[in-house]
């Protein structure tokens, strides 16, 4: 049985690279940036069946690492004090690389950090840049919208769409009087 692909995302690297998220970073609203990225990746991961972890640096925060499960396909990981997202991702890749069934696992590391890319590749992970992920996310959302279009067009075949505004208003008043 094939295992679902594991996607490890250097979250602040993505926030710094995507214009839609970078605006929040520039305003100093990291909560909004994290929230928007989490929403986007929850949908994306569910659609593709990825087991995604958004890894956030908590390097300067004197707390232990914390994992938050968002959906069955997405979790957030805030690193330990003095640990970077890069270190966490590298350690995860190294652990999986030593696993005897590693050939059954597909790991995708998402970052534009060149050194991180080289290290992850050395452990057998696939690499996706921040901009490549953004393009994949946009393509996925366009595909979903395209598939939903025929359903929304069928609404035009309803009787109400063939009625003029005056008749529609009269029917609305009649429904209200019946209530």
Protein backbone atom coordinates (compact mmCIF):
# COMPACT_ATOMS: atom_id res chain seq x y z
CA UNK A 1 0.00 0.00 0.00
CA UNK A 2 1.43 3.38 -0.99
CA UNK A 3 1.82 5.95 1.71
CA UNK A 4 0.52 9.48 1.14
CA UNK A 5 3.25 11.95 0.18
CA UNK A 6 4.72 13.94 3.06
CA UNK A 7 5.13 17.66 2.39
CA UNK A 8 7.32 19.69 4.74
CA UNK A 9 6.94 23.43 4.24
CA UNK A 10 9.31 26.08 5.56
CA UNK A 11 6.36 28.33 6.35
CA UNK A 12 8.10 31.66 6.92
CA UNK A 13 10.05 31.12 3.70
CA UNK A 14 6.70 30.86 1.88
CA UNK A 15 5.28 33.89 3.66
CA UNK A 16 8.32 35.90 2.60
CA UNK A 17 8.02 34.75 -1.03
CA UNK A 18 4.29 34.97 -1.85
CA UNK A 19 3.04 38.51 -2.49
CA UNK A 20 -0.38 37.68 -1.02
CA UNK A 21 1.26 36.68 2.27
CA UNK A 22 4.19 39.06 2.23
CA UNK A 23 1.82 42.02 2.60
CA UNK A 24 0.86 40.72 6.07
CA UNK A 25 4.51 40.23 6.99
CA UNK A 26 5.30 43.82 5.96
CA UNK A 27 2.44 45.03 8.16
CA UNK A 28 3.84 42.98 11.03
CA UNK A 29 0.70 40.84 11.18
CA UNK A 30 2.26 37.38 11.25
CA UNK A 31 -0.94 35.87 12.67
CA UNK A 32 -2.85 36.89 9.52
CA UNK A 33 -0.08 35.55 7.28
CA UNK A 34 0.02 32.24 9.17
CA UNK A 35 -3.76 31.98 9.10
CA UNK A 36 -4.02 32.63 5.36
CA UNK A 37 -1.21 30.16 4.57
CA UNK A 38 -2.86 27.56 6.82
CA UNK A 39 -6.22 27.97 5.02
CA UNK A 40 -4.60 27.70 1.60
CA UNK A 41 -2.53 24.65 2.49
CA UNK A 42 -5.44 22.88 4.21
CA UNK A 43 -7.40 22.93 0.96
CA UNK A 44 -4.38 22.15 -1.22
CA UNK A 45 -3.24 19.23 0.95
CA UNK A 46 -6.71 17.72 1.14
CA UNK A 47 -7.14 17.94 -2.62
CA UNK A 48 -3.81 16.23 -3.36
CA UNK A 49 -3.81 13.85 -0.38
CA UNK A 50 -0.54 15.23 1.01
CA UNK A 51 0.33 14.86 4.68
CA UNK A 52 1.57 18.43 5.07
CA UNK A 53 3.41 20.04 7.95
CA UNK A 54 3.86 23.80 7.97
CA UNK A 55 7.04 24.35 9.98
CA UNK A 56 7.30 27.72 11.72
CA UNK A 57 10.49 28.97 13.35
CA UNK A 58 10.01 29.67 17.02
CA UNK A 59 13.75 30.16 17.42
CA UNK A 60 13.52 33.19 19.71
CA UNK A 61 10.56 31.97 21.73
CA UNK A 62 11.61 30.14 24.92
CA UNK A 63 9.11 27.29 24.51
CA UNK A 64 9.28 23.63 23.54
CA UNK A 65 8.20 22.53 20.07
CA UNK A 66 4.44 22.34 19.59
CA UNK A 67 2.37 20.50 17.00
CA UNK A 68 -1.17 21.62 16.16
CA UNK A 69 -3.33 19.30 14.08
CA UNK A 70 -5.51 21.43 11.79
CA UNK A 71 -7.06 18.75 9.54
CA UNK A 72 -6.30 15.11 8.82
CA UNK A 73 -3.94 16.33 6.07
CA UNK A 74 -2.41 19.40 7.73
CA UNK A 75 -0.57 20.14 10.90
CA UNK A 76 1.48 23.09 12.11
CA UNK A 77 4.76 22.63 13.90
CA UNK A 78 6.34 25.46 15.89
CA UNK A 79 9.99 24.60 16.51
CA UNK A 80 11.76 24.31 19.84
CA UNK A 81 13.56 27.30 21.31
CA UNK A 82 16.83 27.81 19.39
CA UNK A 83 15.70 25.45 16.60
CA UNK A 84 15.10 26.62 13.03
CA UNK A 85 12.58 25.25 10.53
CA UNK A 86 15.57 24.16 8.44
CA UNK A 87 16.96 22.08 11.31
CA UNK A 88 13.60 20.43 11.96
CA UNK A 89 13.06 19.61 8.28
CA UNK A 90 16.60 18.24 7.89
CA UNK A 91 16.22 16.07 10.99
CA UNK A 92 12.86 14.75 9.75
CA UNK A 93 14.35 13.90 6.32
CA UNK A 94 17.38 12.22 7.92
CA UNK A 95 15.16 10.10 10.19
CA UNK A 96 13.00 8.98 7.31
CA UNK A 97 16.07 8.34 5.14
CA UNK A 98 17.32 5.80 7.71
CA UNK A 99 13.93 4.01 7.83
CA UNK A 100 14.00 0.56 6.18
CA UNK A 101 10.81 1.27 4.20
CA UNK A 102 11.90 4.73 3.04
CA UNK A 103 11.31 3.78 -0.59
CA UNK A 104 7.56 3.73 0.19
CA UNK A 105 7.55 7.36 1.34
CA UNK A 106 7.60 10.36 -0.94
CA UNK A 107 8.90 13.47 0.83
CA UNK A 108 8.51 16.91 -0.68
CA UNK A 109 10.39 19.78 0.95
CA UNK A 110 9.11 23.25 0.10
CA UNK A 111 11.60 26.07 0.51
CA UNK A 112 13.59 28.44 -1.63
CA UNK A 113 16.61 28.16 0.67
CA UNK A 114 19.36 26.74 -1.54
CA UNK A 115 21.34 25.08 1.26
CA UNK A 116 18.16 23.49 2.61
CA UNK A 117 17.39 22.19 -0.89
CA UNK A 118 20.81 20.54 -1.18
CA UNK A 119 20.55 18.93 2.23
CA UNK A 120 17.01 17.63 1.67
CA UNK A 121 17.94 16.29 -1.77
CA UNK A 122 20.84 14.44 -0.15
CA UNK A 123 18.31 12.62 2.04
CA UNK A 124 16.23 11.65 -0.99
CA UNK A 125 13.54 14.31 -0.71
CA UNK A 126 11.99 16.10 -3.66
CA UNK A 127 12.33 19.87 -3.72
CA UNK A 128 9.72 22.48 -4.55
CA UNK A 129 10.50 26.19 -4.42
CA UNK A 130 8.14 28.66 -2.78
CA UNK A 131 7.16 30.08 -6.18
CA UNK A 132 6.64 26.61 -7.69
CA UNK A 133 4.29 25.77 -4.81
CA UNK A 134 2.41 29.02 -5.38
CA UNK A 135 1.98 28.08 -9.05
CA UNK A 136 0.75 24.60 -8.10
CA UNK A 137 -1.69 26.05 -5.58
CA UNK A 138 -3.06 28.50 -8.15
CA UNK A 139 -3.36 25.77 -10.80
CA UNK A 140 -5.20 23.52 -8.33
CA UNK A 141 -7.67 26.26 -7.38
CA UNK A 142 -8.27 27.07 -11.08
CA UNK A 143 -8.90 23.39 -11.78
CA UNK A 144 -11.39 23.14 -8.92
CA UNK A 145 -13.21 26.28 -10.10
CA UNK A 146 -13.29 24.96 -13.66
CA UNK A 147 -14.85 21.68 -12.48
CA UNK A 148 -17.47 23.57 -10.47
CA UNK A 149 -18.51 25.83 -13.37
CA UNK A 150 -20.97 23.39 -14.99
CA UNK A 151 -22.78 23.07 -11.65
CA UNK A 152 -23.22 26.82 -11.32
CA UNK A 153 -24.37 27.12 -14.94
CA UNK A 154 -27.19 24.64 -14.29
CA UNK A 155 -28.75 27.21 -11.94
CA UNK A 156 -29.59 29.30 -15.01
CA UNK A 157 -31.96 26.56 -16.11
CA UNK A 158 -34.19 27.16 -13.10
CA UNK A 159 -37.57 28.79 -13.67
CA UNK A 160 -36.65 31.83 -11.59
CA UNK A 161 -33.82 32.73 -13.96
CA UNK A 162 -36.29 32.93 -16.84
CA UNK A 163 -38.59 35.35 -14.99
CA UNK A 164 -38.40 39.11 -15.21
CA UNK A 165 -37.66 41.16 -12.09
CA UNK A 166 -41.30 42.21 -11.56
CA UNK A 167 -42.60 38.65 -11.60
CA UNK A 168 -39.80 37.47 -9.32
CA UNK A 169 -40.65 40.27 -6.85
CA UNK A 170 -44.37 39.32 -6.91
CA UNK A 171 -43.53 35.70 -6.18
CA UNK A 172 -41.27 36.76 -3.34
CA UNK A 173 -44.10 38.82 -1.78
CA UNK A 174 -46.49 35.89 -2.17
CA UNK A 175 -44.05 33.56 -0.35
CA UNK A 176 -43.70 36.09 2.45
CA UNK A 177 -47.47 36.37 2.84
CA UNK A 178 -47.75 32.59 3.15
CA UNK A 179 -45.23 32.50 6.02
